[in-house]
C-alpha atoms as a PDB file:
ATOM      1  CA  UNK A   1       6.993  52.025 -10.387  1.00  0.00           C
ATOM      2  CA  UNK A   2       5.001  55.154 -11.000  1.00  0.00           C
ATOM      3  CA  UNK A   3       5.230  54.834 -14.582  1.00  0.00           C
ATOM      4  CA  UNK A   4       4.258  51.602 -15.000  1.00  0.00           C
ATOM      5  CA  UNK A   5       0.899  52.396 -12.903  1.00  0.00           C
ATOM      6  CA  UNK A   6       0.498  55.114 -15.356  1.00  0.00           C
ATOM      7  CA  UNK A   7       1.031  52.972 -18.429  1.00  0.00           C
ATOM      8  CA  UNK A   8      -1.136  50.645 -16.851  1.00  0.00           C
ATOM      9  CA  UNK A   9      -4.080  53.075 -16.138  1.00  0.00           C
ATOM     10  CA  UNK A  10      -3.468  54.454 -19.112  1.00  0.00           C
ATOM     11  CA  UNK A  11      -3.996  51.068 -21.114  1.00  0.00           C
ATOM     12  CA  UNK A  12      -7.433  50.288 -19.552  1.00  0.00           C
ATOM     13  CA  UNK A  13      -8.599  53.614 -19.945  1.00  0.00           C
ATOM     14  CA  UNK A  14      -8.317  52.871 -24.127  1.00  0.00           C
ATOM     15  CA  UNK A  15      -9.626  49.832 -23.699  1.00  0.00           C
ATOM     16  CA  UNK A  16     -12.917  50.849 -21.914  1.00  0.00           C
ATOM     17  CA  UNK A  17     -13.086  53.620 -23.978  1.00  0.00           C
ATOM     18  CA  UNK A  18     -13.012  50.906 -26.904  1.00  0.00           C
ATOM     19  CA  UNK A  19     -15.291  48.758 -25.910  1.00  0.00           C
ATOM     20  CA  UNK A  20     -17.925  51.972 -25.053  1.00  0.00           C
ATOM     21  CA  UNK A  21     -17.038  53.373 -28.786  1.00  0.00           C
ATOM     22  CA  UNK A  22     -17.776  49.446 -30.089  1.00  0.00           C
ATOM     23  CA  UNK A  23     -21.167  49.339 -27.749  1.00  0.00           C
ATOM     24  CA  UNK A  24     -22.592  52.590 -29.183  1.00  0.00           C
ATOM     25  CA  UNK A  25     -22.052  51.726 -33.020  1.00  0.00           C
ATOM     26  CA  UNK A  26     -23.874  48.319 -32.011  1.00  0.00           C
ATOM     27  CA  UNK A  27     -26.947  50.456 -30.452  1.00  0.00           C
ATOM     28  CA  UNK A  28     -26.670  52.597 -32.954  1.00  0.00           C
ATOM     29  CA  UNK A  29     -27.222  50.234 -35.573  1.00  0.00           C
ATOM     30  CA  UNK A  30     -29.575  48.293 -33.854  1.00  0.00           C
ATOM     31  CA  UNK A  31     -31.567  52.035 -34.072  1.00  0.00           C
ATOM     32  CA  UNK A  32     -31.025  52.553 -37.229  1.00  0.00           C
ATOM     33  CA  UNK A  33     -32.053  48.524 -38.644  1.00  0.00           C
ATOM     34  CA  UNK A  34     -35.160  49.535 -36.609  1.00  0.00           C
ATOM     35  CA  UNK A  35     -36.365  52.792 -38.180  1.00  0.00           C
ATOM     36  CA  UNK A  36     -35.436  51.324 -41.325  1.00  0.00           C
ATOM     37  CA  UNK A  37     -37.699  48.198 -41.753  1.00  0.00           C
ATOM     38  CA  UNK A  38     -40.674  49.065 -43.940  1.00  0.00           C
ATOM     39  CA  UNK A  39     -43.738  46.722 -42.679  1.00  0.00           C
ATOM     40  CA  UNK A  40     -44.263  44.318 -45.201  1.00  0.00           C
ATOM     41  CA  UNK A  41     -47.593  42.488 -45.724  1.00  0.00           C
ATOM     42  CA  UNK A  42     -47.073  40.329 -43.232  1.00  0.00           C
ATOM     43  CA  UNK A  43     -47.249  42.693 -40.721  1.00  0.00           C
ATOM     44  CA  UNK A  44     -46.329  39.765 -38.244  1.00  0.00           C
ATOM     45  CA  UNK A  45     -42.688  39.591 -39.438  1.00  0.00           C
ATOM     46  CA  UNK A  46     -42.207  43.651 -39.168  1.00  0.00           C
ATOM     47  CA  UNK A  47     -43.801  43.446 -35.457  1.00  0.00           C
ATOM     48  CA  UNK A  48     -41.194  40.602 -34.546  1.00  0.00           C
ATOM     49  CA  UNK A  49     -37.998  42.075 -36.111  1.00  0.00           C
ATOM     50  CA  UNK A  50     -39.020  45.805 -34.940  1.00  0.00           C
ATOM     51  CA  UNK A  51     -38.997  44.090 -30.984  1.00  0.00           C
ATOM     52  CA  UNK A  52     -35.789  41.956 -32.133  1.00  0.00           C
ATOM     53  CA  UNK A  53     -34.372  45.202 -32.056  1.00  0.00           C
ATOM     54  CA  UNK A  54     -35.381  46.875 -29.274  1.00  0.00           C
ATOM     55  CA  UNK A  55     -34.184  43.332 -27.281  1.00  0.00           C
ATOM     56  CA  UNK A  56     -31.270  43.649 -29.037  1.00  0.00           C
ATOM     57  CA  UNK A  57     -30.898  47.241 -27.525  1.00  0.00           C
ATOM     58  CA  UNK A  58     -31.689  46.995 -24.450  1.00  0.00           C
ATOM     59  CA  UNK A  59     -29.374  44.177 -24.019  1.00  0.00           C
ATOM     60  CA  UNK A  60     -26.691  46.487 -25.459  1.00  0.00           C
ATOM     61  CA  UNK A  61     -27.693  48.986 -23.112  1.00  0.00           C
ATOM     62  CA  UNK A  62     -26.686  46.718 -20.215  1.00  0.00           C
ATOM     63  CA  UNK A  63     -23.839  45.571 -21.744  1.00  0.00           C
ATOM     64  CA  UNK A  64     -22.537  49.170 -21.170  1.00  0.00           C
ATOM     65  CA  UNK A  65     -24.048  50.404 -18.272  1.00  0.00           C
ATOM     66  CA  UNK A  66     -22.169  46.938 -16.825  1.00  0.00           C
ATOM     67  CA  UNK A  67     -18.475  48.699 -18.391  1.00  0.00           C
ATOM     68  CA  UNK A  68     -19.083  51.814 -17.173  1.00  0.00           C
ATOM     69  CA  UNK A  69     -19.706  50.421 -13.907  1.00  0.00           C
ATOM     70  CA  UNK A  70     -16.342  48.407 -13.609  1.00  0.00           C
END
């Protein structure tokens, strides 16, 4: 029974680490996209894209917090 619990714990930890890595990658990609987006002649388009990138980053951080909390 102890062996089963040990393997179950290890599997859970692996799943959590994978989710954290996936979330970190999404955060990094959102930040890179925000940094690489150039200002076009339509400045509003740039600002909207930047705001959407920030919103995605904020949501991703929230998910990361929830995963770490559980």
